[in-house]
Structure formats: structure tokens, C-alpha cells
Amino acid sequence: MTARRGVRTARQNHDDPAEAEAHAAVDAAKVALGERGPVWWTDGAPDYNRHLAKNTPYADWFAALDRRARGSGPSSTQTGA
């Protein structure tokens, strides 16, 4: 978060070199957290990220869930419950 605040501050101050340094710090933090860079898992399992559940081996499990559990029904805040 410190690096991201550094980007904001540098932009507000129109300090291009400081902004570039802050962006590099953000990138380094994301790589260290595993958000960027090479994958850290090597189990060989297929990655179903960004796939609809109905188009994966989990389709039957997903279809068995009720609408609220799937996230397609009204939430409790919308129904007043």
C-alpha cells in the first residue's frame, strides 16, 4: 500500500521519476505476493479461472446449488431479509 500511495503522491506532484520508482515498487510487491510473474504452482491441474462453472468439470456441482449460493438470486439486502 505504501508503494501505491507513492504513485498517487508522485502523480499529484507531477514527479515523473518518483512515479516510475513507485510503479517499480508496486510491481516488485505484486511479484513477491505471487500476483505477477511466473506461476508458483506446478501440480499440472488445468486452470479454470475465468471460465463459467457450467463449462468446467464442476458443472454438476454448480447446478445443484440453490440460486443464492450461486450468486444469481437476489441477495438478502435486496429482499429485505
C-alpha atoms as a PDB file:
ATOM      1  CA  MET A   1       0.000   0.000   0.000  1.00  0.00           C
ATOM      2  CA  THR A   2       2.906   2.340   0.645  1.00  0.00           C
ATOM      3  CA  ALA A   3       4.061   1.954  -2.952  1.00  0.00           C
ATOM      4  CA  ARG A   4       0.571   2.663  -4.279  1.00  0.00           C
ATOM      5  CA  ARG A   5       0.365   5.790  -2.153  1.00  0.00           C
ATOM      6  CA  GLY A   6       3.740   6.749  -3.600  1.00  0.00           C
ATOM      7  CA  VAL A   7       2.298   6.526  -7.117  1.00  0.00           C
ATOM      8  CA  ARG A   8      -0.587   8.798  -6.122  1.00  0.00           C
ATOM      9  CA  THR A   9       1.668  11.324  -4.445  1.00  0.00           C
ATOM     10  CA  ALA A  10       4.085  11.396  -7.371  1.00  0.00           C
ATOM     11  CA  ARG A  11       1.216  11.938  -9.819  1.00  0.00           C
ATOM     12  CA  GLN A  12      -0.190  14.749  -7.723  1.00  0.00           C
ATOM     13  CA  ASN A  13       3.247  16.377  -7.644  1.00  0.00           C
ATOM     14  CA  HIS A  14       3.855  15.708 -11.358  1.00  0.00           C
ATOM     15  CA  ASP A  15       7.117  13.989 -10.409  1.00  0.00           C
ATOM     16  CA  ASP A  16       7.737  11.524 -13.256  1.00  0.00           C
ATOM     17  CA  PRO A  17      10.931   9.950 -11.858  1.00  0.00           C
ATOM     18  CA  ALA A  18       9.282   9.364  -8.458  1.00  0.00           C
ATOM     19  CA  GLU A  19       6.211   7.911 -10.159  1.00  0.00           C
ATOM     20  CA  ALA A  20       8.343   5.473 -12.144  1.00  0.00           C
ATOM     21  CA  GLU A  21      10.124   4.423  -8.948  1.00  0.00           C
ATOM     22  CA  ALA A  22       6.805   3.938  -7.156  1.00  0.00           C
ATOM     23  CA  HIS A  23       5.429   1.856 -10.046  1.00  0.00           C
ATOM     24  CA  ALA A  24       8.525  -0.338  -9.846  1.00  0.00           C
ATOM     25  CA  ALA A  25       7.925  -0.791  -6.115  1.00  0.00           C
ATOM     26  CA  VAL A  26       4.280  -1.763  -6.759  1.00  0.00           C
ATOM     27  CA  ASP A  27       5.417  -4.284  -9.375  1.00  0.00           C
ATOM     28  CA  ALA A  28       8.010  -5.770  -7.016  1.00  0.00           C
ATOM     29  CA  ALA A  29       5.404  -6.159  -4.276  1.00  0.00           C
ATOM     30  CA  LYS A  30       2.956  -7.869  -6.636  1.00  0.00           C
ATOM     31  CA  VAL A  31       5.638 -10.275  -7.858  1.00  0.00           C
ATOM     32  CA  ALA A  32       6.598 -11.067  -4.248  1.00  0.00           C
ATOM     33  CA  LEU A  33       2.940 -11.785  -3.441  1.00  0.00           C
ATOM     34  CA  GLY A  34       2.589 -14.075  -6.457  1.00  0.00           C
ATOM     35  CA  GLU A  35       0.159 -11.786  -8.288  1.00  0.00           C
ATOM     36  CA  ARG A  36       2.584 -11.319 -11.185  1.00  0.00           C
ATOM     37  CA  GLY A  37       5.432 -13.282 -12.625  1.00  0.00           C
ATOM     38  CA  PRO A  38       5.746 -16.989 -13.220  1.00  0.00           C
ATOM     39  CA  VAL A  39       3.188 -19.305 -11.694  1.00  0.00           C
ATOM     40  CA  TRP A  40       4.179 -20.736  -8.337  1.00  0.00           C
ATOM     41  CA  TRP A  41       2.116 -23.897  -8.546  1.00  0.00           C
ATOM     42  CA  THR A  42       3.239 -26.911 -10.512  1.00  0.00           C
ATOM     43  CA  ASP A  43       0.593 -29.539  -9.857  1.00  0.00           C
ATOM     44  CA  GLY A  44      -0.301 -29.811 -13.547  1.00  0.00           C
ATOM     45  CA  ALA A  45      -4.020 -29.311 -12.912  1.00  0.00           C
ATOM     46  CA  PRO A  46      -5.892 -27.264 -15.515  1.00  0.00           C
ATOM     47  CA  ASP A  47      -6.664 -23.672 -14.595  1.00  0.00           C
ATOM     48  CA  TYR A  48     -10.403 -22.958 -14.726  1.00  0.00           C
ATOM     49  CA  ASN A  49     -10.035 -19.330 -13.725  1.00  0.00           C
ATOM     50  CA  ARG A  50     -12.194 -17.073 -15.906  1.00  0.00           C
ATOM     51  CA  HIS A  51     -14.399 -19.965 -17.012  1.00  0.00           C
ATOM     52  CA  LEU A  52     -18.111 -20.242 -16.340  1.00  0.00           C
ATOM     53  CA  ALA A  53     -18.727 -23.036 -13.853  1.00  0.00           C
ATOM     54  CA  LYS A  54     -21.126 -24.671 -16.308  1.00  0.00           C
ATOM     55  CA  ASN A  55     -18.212 -25.071 -18.750  1.00  0.00           C
ATOM     56  CA  THR A  56     -15.946 -26.884 -16.287  1.00  0.00           C
ATOM     57  CA  PRO A  57     -15.863 -30.289 -14.600  1.00  0.00           C
ATOM     58  CA  TYR A  58     -17.679 -28.564 -11.707  1.00  0.00           C
ATOM     59  CA  ALA A  59     -20.875 -28.039 -13.763  1.00  0.00           C
ATOM     60  CA  ASP A  60     -22.971 -30.657 -11.940  1.00  0.00           C
ATOM     61  CA  TRP A  61     -21.906 -29.376  -8.523  1.00  0.00           C
ATOM     62  CA  PHE A  62     -22.697 -25.791  -9.524  1.00  0.00           C
ATOM     63  CA  ALA A  63     -26.092 -26.735 -10.967  1.00  0.00           C
ATOM     64  CA  ALA A  64     -27.014 -28.414  -7.676  1.00  0.00           C
ATOM     65  CA  LEU A  65     -26.514 -25.193  -5.700  1.00  0.00           C
ATOM     66  CA  ASP A  66     -29.522 -23.021  -4.967  1.00  0.00           C
ATOM     67  CA  ARG A  67     -29.729 -19.617  -6.664  1.00  0.00           C
ATOM     68  CA  ARG A  68     -28.420 -17.633  -3.676  1.00  0.00           C
ATOM     69  CA  ALA A  69     -25.402 -19.883  -3.285  1.00  0.00           C
ATOM     70  CA  ARG A  70     -24.611 -19.449  -6.989  1.00  0.00           C
ATOM     71  CA  GLY A  71     -24.886 -15.687  -6.701  1.00  0.00           C
ATOM     72  CA  SER A  72     -27.615 -15.347  -9.301  1.00  0.00           C
ATOM     73  CA  GLY A  73     -30.567 -14.742  -6.993  1.00  0.00           C
ATOM     74  CA  PRO A  74     -31.457 -11.621  -5.060  1.00  0.00           C
ATOM     75  CA  SER A  75     -29.261 -11.043  -2.057  1.00  0.00           C
ATOM     76  CA  SER A  76     -30.640 -10.747   1.455  1.00  0.00           C
ATOM     77  CA  THR A  77     -30.111  -6.972   1.336  1.00  0.00           C
ATOM     78  CA  GLN A  78     -32.244  -6.708  -1.811  1.00  0.00           C
ATOM     79  CA  THR A  79     -35.087  -8.766  -0.362  1.00  0.00           C
ATOM     80  CA  GLY A  80     -35.068  -7.040   2.994  1.00  0.00           C
ATOM     81  CA  ALA A  81     -34.362 -10.300   4.814  1.00  0.00           C
END
